[in-house]
Amino acid sequence: FLRKTVLVIAAKKASSSATEGRVCTYSAVDKKSAALVEVNSETDFAARSEKFQDLVVSVTGASLDLLKPSGTDISIDELYKAQIKSTSGSECSVQDALHELVTSIRENLRLRRSSVLSVDQGVVSSYVHNEVERAGGNPQSRLGRIACLVALKSSSPNTDAF
């Protein structure tokens, strides 16, 4: 019953315009790869909520986990199937986590785009404009309104400056 209710609410909200939201970058510990994901919501109010921001960080982390050996981007369909922790703490697919949050905040959410960048030698860094300060946030993730990833290929072992 609960699952049907979640799907009904998500279906009703799917036609609503989702043009606000956040982008998130998530860097690997070794700084050789990073992911960038954009998730949209109907209002900036929803995008500022802790649950929404936690979900965006989780989805971005999942995107980085799905990095293909060829370094090619993951499709949105593949990302929807990835497993993450939902806002309630249970393990589920990205699509189910989005539906759960739609039910909670009563706004349409849309996973708009995703990109992953990696290098064999060098470093991948990110820039986030209007970065959101998050208490207890993951140091590997950065959340904001505009972001980009930059890859520097270098054989130099000194990449700490980046």
C-alpha atoms as a PDB file:
ATOM      1  CA  PHE A   1       0.000   0.000   0.000  1.00  0.00           C
ATOM      2  CA  LEU A   2       2.719   2.485   0.984  1.00  0.00           C
ATOM      3  CA  ARG A   3       4.717   1.817  -2.194  1.00  0.00           C
ATOM      4  CA  LYS A   4       1.609   2.443  -4.327  1.00  0.00           C
ATOM      5  CA  THR A   5       0.973   5.716  -2.488  1.00  0.00           C
ATOM      6  CA  VAL A   6       4.555   6.861  -3.102  1.00  0.00           C
ATOM      7  CA  LEU A   7       4.251   6.070  -6.823  1.00  0.00           C
ATOM      8  CA  VAL A   8       0.879   7.835  -7.122  1.00  0.00           C
ATOM      9  CA  ILE A   9       2.215  11.012  -5.483  1.00  0.00           C
ATOM     10  CA  ALA A  10       5.394  10.899  -7.597  1.00  0.00           C
ATOM     11  CA  ALA A  11       3.330  10.463 -10.776  1.00  0.00           C
ATOM     12  CA  LYS A  12       1.133  13.462  -9.895  1.00  0.00           C
ATOM     13  CA  LYS A  13       4.178  15.639  -9.251  1.00  0.00           C
ATOM     14  CA  ALA A  14       6.039  14.493 -12.400  1.00  0.00           C
ATOM     15  CA  SER A  15       4.233  17.033 -14.581  1.00  0.00           C
ATOM     16  CA  SER A  16       5.308  19.973 -12.388  1.00  0.00           C
ATOM     17  CA  SER A  17       8.227  22.089 -13.580  1.00  0.00           C
ATOM     18  CA  ALA A  18      11.494  21.470 -11.728  1.00  0.00           C
ATOM     19  CA  THR A  19      13.930  24.280 -12.539  1.00  0.00           C
ATOM     20  CA  GLU A  20      15.571  25.000  -9.182  1.00  0.00           C
ATOM     21  CA  GLY A  21      17.941  22.653  -7.410  1.00  0.00           C
ATOM     22  CA  ARG A  22      21.578  21.983  -6.654  1.00  0.00           C
ATOM     23  CA  VAL A  23      24.684  20.611  -8.294  1.00  0.00           C
ATOM     24  CA  CYS A  24      27.161  18.534  -6.370  1.00  0.00           C
ATOM     25  CA  THR A  25      30.733  17.483  -6.987  1.00  0.00           C
ATOM     26  CA  TYR A  26      32.151  14.413  -5.291  1.00  0.00           C
ATOM     27  CA  SER A  27      35.877  13.731  -5.475  1.00  0.00           C
ATOM     28  CA  ALA A  28      37.631  10.420  -4.990  1.00  0.00           C
ATOM     29  CA  VAL A  29      40.043  10.299  -2.052  1.00  0.00           C
ATOM     30  CA  ASP A  30      43.025   9.958  -4.420  1.00  0.00           C
ATOM     31  CA  LYS A  31      41.790  13.002  -6.426  1.00  0.00           C
ATOM     32  CA  LYS A  32      42.081  11.056  -9.697  1.00  0.00           C
ATOM     33  CA  SER A  33      38.348  11.137 -10.405  1.00  0.00           C
ATOM     34  CA  ALA A  34      35.274  13.167  -9.540  1.00  0.00           C
ATOM     35  CA  ALA A  35      31.581  13.211 -10.336  1.00  0.00           C
ATOM     36  CA  LEU A  36      29.204  16.092 -10.990  1.00  0.00           C
ATOM     37  CA  VAL A  37      25.425  15.670 -10.665  1.00  0.00           C
ATOM     38  CA  GLU A  38      22.521  18.101 -11.006  1.00  0.00           C
ATOM     39  CA  VAL A  39      19.201  17.406  -9.281  1.00  0.00           C
ATOM     40  CA  ASN A  40      16.324  19.831  -9.824  1.00  0.00           C
ATOM     41  CA  SER A  41      13.366  20.702  -7.602  1.00  0.00           C
ATOM     42  CA  GLU A  42      10.347  22.946  -8.097  1.00  0.00           C
ATOM     43  CA  THR A  43      11.447  25.585  -5.582  1.00  0.00           C
ATOM     44  CA  ASP A  44      14.637  26.862  -4.054  1.00  0.00           C
ATOM     45  CA  PHE A  45      13.041  26.275  -0.652  1.00  0.00           C
ATOM     46  CA  ALA A  46      13.083  22.508  -1.260  1.00  0.00           C
ATOM     47  CA  ALA A  47      16.630  22.666  -2.669  1.00  0.00           C
ATOM     48  CA  ARG A  48      17.825  24.251   0.578  1.00  0.00           C
ATOM     49  CA  SER A  49      16.414  21.464   2.742  1.00  0.00           C
ATOM     50  CA  GLU A  50      18.862  19.116   4.434  1.00  0.00           C
ATOM     51  CA  LYS A  51      17.064  16.011   3.134  1.00  0.00           C
ATOM     52  CA  PHE A  52      17.303  17.233  -0.465  1.00  0.00           C
ATOM     53  CA  GLN A  53      20.981  18.136  -0.117  1.00  0.00           C
ATOM     54  CA  ASP A  54      21.815  14.795   1.521  1.00  0.00           C
ATOM     55  CA  LEU A  55      20.087  13.002  -1.344  1.00  0.00           C
ATOM     56  CA  VAL A  56      22.026  14.986  -3.962  1.00  0.00           C
ATOM     57  CA  VAL A  57      25.330  14.128  -2.229  1.00  0.00           C
ATOM     58  CA  SER A  58      24.367  10.425  -2.068  1.00  0.00           C
ATOM     59  CA  VAL A  59      23.421  10.354  -5.752  1.00  0.00           C
ATOM     60  CA  THR A  60      26.701  12.050  -6.696  1.00  0.00           C
ATOM     61  CA  GLY A  61      28.677   9.547  -4.630  1.00  0.00           C
ATOM     62  CA  ALA A  62      26.837   6.718  -6.404  1.00  0.00           C
ATOM     63  CA  SER A  63      27.714   8.294  -9.747  1.00  0.00           C
ATOM     64  CA  LEU A  64      31.397   8.246  -8.824  1.00  0.00           C
ATOM     65  CA  ASP A  65      31.083   4.617  -7.669  1.00  0.00           C
ATOM     66  CA  LEU A  66      29.711   3.681 -11.113  1.00  0.00           C
ATOM     67  CA  LEU A  67      32.739   5.136 -12.918  1.00  0.00           C
ATOM     68  CA  LYS A  68      33.497   2.933 -15.896  1.00  0.00           C
ATOM     69  CA  PRO A  69      37.083   1.844 -16.640  1.00  0.00           C
ATOM     70  CA  SER A  70      36.907   3.723 -19.943  1.00  0.00           C
ATOM     71  CA  GLY A  71      36.113   6.922 -18.030  1.00  0.00           C
ATOM     72  CA  THR A  72      32.910   7.452 -20.025  1.00  0.00           C
ATOM     73  CA  ASP A  73      29.873   9.028 -18.414  1.00  0.00           C
ATOM     74  CA  ILE A  74      27.126   7.005 -16.828  1.00  0.00           C
ATOM     75  CA  SER A  75      23.676   7.332 -18.337  1.00  0.00           C
ATOM     76  CA  ILE A  76      20.889   8.759 -16.211  1.00  0.00           C
ATOM     77  CA  ASP A  77      19.084   5.405 -16.523  1.00  0.00           C
ATOM     78  CA  GLU A  78      22.098   3.602 -15.036  1.00  0.00           C
ATOM     79  CA  LEU A  79      22.285   6.135 -12.229  1.00  0.00           C
ATOM     80  CA  TYR A  80      18.570   5.710 -11.436  1.00  0.00           C
ATOM     81  CA  LYS A  81      19.287   1.996 -10.786  1.00  0.00           C
ATOM     82  CA  ALA A  82      22.298   2.607  -8.492  1.00  0.00           C
ATOM     83  CA  GLN A  83      21.874   1.699  -4.820  1.00  0.00           C
ATOM     84  CA  ILE A  84      22.067   4.452  -2.175  1.00  0.00           C
ATOM     85  CA  LYS A  85      20.769   5.118   1.320  1.00  0.00           C
ATOM     86  CA  SER A  86      17.452   6.935   1.164  1.00  0.00           C
ATOM     87  CA  THR A  87      16.558   9.868   3.398  1.00  0.00           C
ATOM     88  CA  SER A  88      14.865   7.370   5.745  1.00  0.00           C
ATOM     89  CA  GLY A  89      18.107   5.386   5.993  1.00  0.00           C
ATOM     90  CA  SER A  90      17.060   2.314   4.016  1.00  0.00           C
ATOM     91  CA  GLU A  91      19.039   0.937   1.070  1.00  0.00           C
ATOM     92  CA  CYS A  92      17.212   1.507  -2.234  1.00  0.00           C
ATOM     93  CA  SER A  93      17.679   2.625  -5.830  1.00  0.00           C
ATOM     94  CA  VAL A  94      18.236   6.294  -6.672  1.00  0.00           C
ATOM     95  CA  GLN A  95      14.841   6.330  -8.387  1.00  0.00           C
ATOM     96  CA  ASP A  96      13.095   4.974  -5.276  1.00  0.00           C
ATOM     97  CA  ALA A  97      14.949   7.472  -3.055  1.00  0.00           C
ATOM     98  CA  LEU A  98      13.813  10.342  -5.306  1.00  0.00           C
ATOM     99  CA  HIS A  99      10.211   9.078  -5.183  1.00  0.00           C
ATOM    100  CA  GLU A 100      10.402   8.804  -1.388  1.00  0.00           C
ATOM    101  CA  LEU A 101      11.605  12.407  -1.104  1.00  0.00           C
ATOM    102  CA  VAL A 102       8.921  13.612  -3.562  1.00  0.00           C
ATOM    103  CA  THR A 103       6.354  12.081  -1.214  1.00  0.00           C
ATOM    104  CA  SER A 104       7.964  13.752   1.789  1.00  0.00           C
ATOM    105  CA  ILE A 105       8.393  17.293   0.448  1.00  0.00           C
ATOM    106  CA  ARG A 106       5.517  17.227  -2.078  1.00  0.00           C
ATOM    107  CA  GLU A 107       7.589  18.633  -4.927  1.00  0.00           C
ATOM    108  CA  ASN A 108       8.709  17.215  -8.232  1.00  0.00           C
ATOM    109  CA  LEU A 109      12.386  16.244  -8.283  1.00  0.00           C
ATOM    110  CA  ARG A 110      14.385  15.456 -11.388  1.00  0.00           C
ATOM    111  CA  LEU A 111      17.820  13.985 -11.868  1.00  0.00           C
ATOM    112  CA  ARG A 112      18.870  16.261 -14.712  1.00  0.00           C
ATOM    113  CA  ARG A 113      22.430  15.302 -15.619  1.00  0.00           C
ATOM    114  CA  SER A 114      25.536  13.539 -14.461  1.00  0.00           C
ATOM    115  CA  SER A 115      29.161  13.529 -15.509  1.00  0.00           C
ATOM    116  CA  VAL A 116      32.322  11.823 -14.301  1.00  0.00           C
ATOM    117  CA  LEU A 117      35.896  12.856 -15.047  1.00  0.00           C
ATOM    118  CA  SER A 118      39.022  10.804 -14.344  1.00  0.00           C
ATOM    119  CA  VAL A 119      42.746  10.737 -15.097  1.00  0.00           C
ATOM    120  CA  ASP A 120      45.367   7.991 -14.813  1.00  0.00           C
ATOM    121  CA  GLN A 121      48.098  10.431 -13.806  1.00  0.00           C
ATOM    122  CA  GLY A 122      47.303  13.849 -12.422  1.00  0.00           C
ATOM    123  CA  VAL A 123      44.399  15.282 -10.490  1.00  0.00           C
ATOM    124  CA  VAL A 124      40.718  16.142 -10.913  1.00  0.00           C
ATOM    125  CA  SER A 125      39.516  19.210  -9.060  1.00  0.00           C
ATOM    126  CA  SER A 126      36.208  21.050  -8.793  1.00  0.00           C
ATOM    127  CA  TYR A 127      34.909  24.581  -8.563  1.00  0.00           C
ATOM    128  CA  VAL A 128      31.528  25.258  -6.966  1.00  0.00           C
ATOM    129  CA  HIS A 129      29.900  28.699  -7.180  1.00  0.00           C
ATOM    130  CA  ASN A 130      27.588  29.775  -4.335  1.00  0.00           C
ATOM    131  CA  GLU A 131      28.772  26.803  -2.323  1.00  0.00           C
ATOM    132  CA  VAL A 132      26.412  25.608   0.398  1.00  0.00           C
ATOM    133  CA  GLU A 133      27.932  25.253   3.837  1.00  0.00           C
ATOM    134  CA  ARG A 134      26.731  21.995   5.340  1.00  0.00           C
ATOM    135  CA  ALA A 135      27.215  21.097   8.986  1.00  0.00           C
ATOM    136  CA  GLY A 136      28.889  17.702   9.238  1.00  0.00           C
ATOM    137  CA  GLY A 137      29.131  17.469   5.464  1.00  0.00           C
ATOM    138  CA  ASN A 138      31.337  15.001   3.635  1.00  0.00           C
ATOM    139  CA  PRO A 139      34.708  16.658   2.855  1.00  0.00           C
ATOM    140  CA  GLN A 140      34.753  14.896  -0.538  1.00  0.00           C
ATOM    141  CA  SER A 141      31.508  16.575  -1.634  1.00  0.00           C
ATOM    142  CA  ARG A 142      30.745  20.184  -2.490  1.00  0.00           C
ATOM    143  CA  LEU A 143      27.231  21.486  -3.123  1.00  0.00           C
ATOM    144  CA  GLY A 144      26.106  24.672  -4.847  1.00  0.00           C
ATOM    145  CA  ARG A 145      24.256  26.324  -7.719  1.00  0.00           C
ATOM    146  CA  ILE A 146      26.935  26.149 -10.455  1.00  0.00           C
ATOM    147  CA  ALA A 147      29.908  23.799 -10.654  1.00  0.00           C
ATOM    148  CA  CYS A 148      32.551  22.412 -12.944  1.00  0.00           C
ATOM    149  CA  LEU A 149      35.213  19.714 -12.927  1.00  0.00           C
ATOM    150  CA  VAL A 150      38.738  20.237 -14.220  1.00  0.00           C
ATOM    151  CA  ALA A 151      41.223  17.462 -14.984  1.00  0.00           C
ATOM    152  CA  LEU A 152      44.957  18.122 -15.021  1.00  0.00           C
ATOM    153  CA  LYS A 153      46.980  15.335 -16.587  1.00  0.00           C
ATOM    154  CA  SER A 154      50.488  15.320 -15.217  1.00  0.00           C
ATOM    155  CA  SER A 155      53.235  12.822 -14.553  1.00  0.00           C
ATOM    156  CA  SER A 156      54.491  14.921 -11.642  1.00  0.00           C
ATOM    157  CA  PRO A 157      54.089  13.135  -8.309  1.00  0.00           C
ATOM    158  CA  ASN A 158      53.409  16.476  -6.573  1.00  0.00           C
ATOM    159  CA  THR A 159      49.652  16.980  -6.983  1.00  0.00           C
ATOM    160  CA  ASP A 160      49.054  18.121  -3.392  1.00  0.00           C
ATOM    161  CA  ALA A 161      48.921  21.770  -4.479  1.00  0.00           C
ATOM    162  CA  PHE A 162      45.675  21.083  -6.299  1.00  0.00           C
END
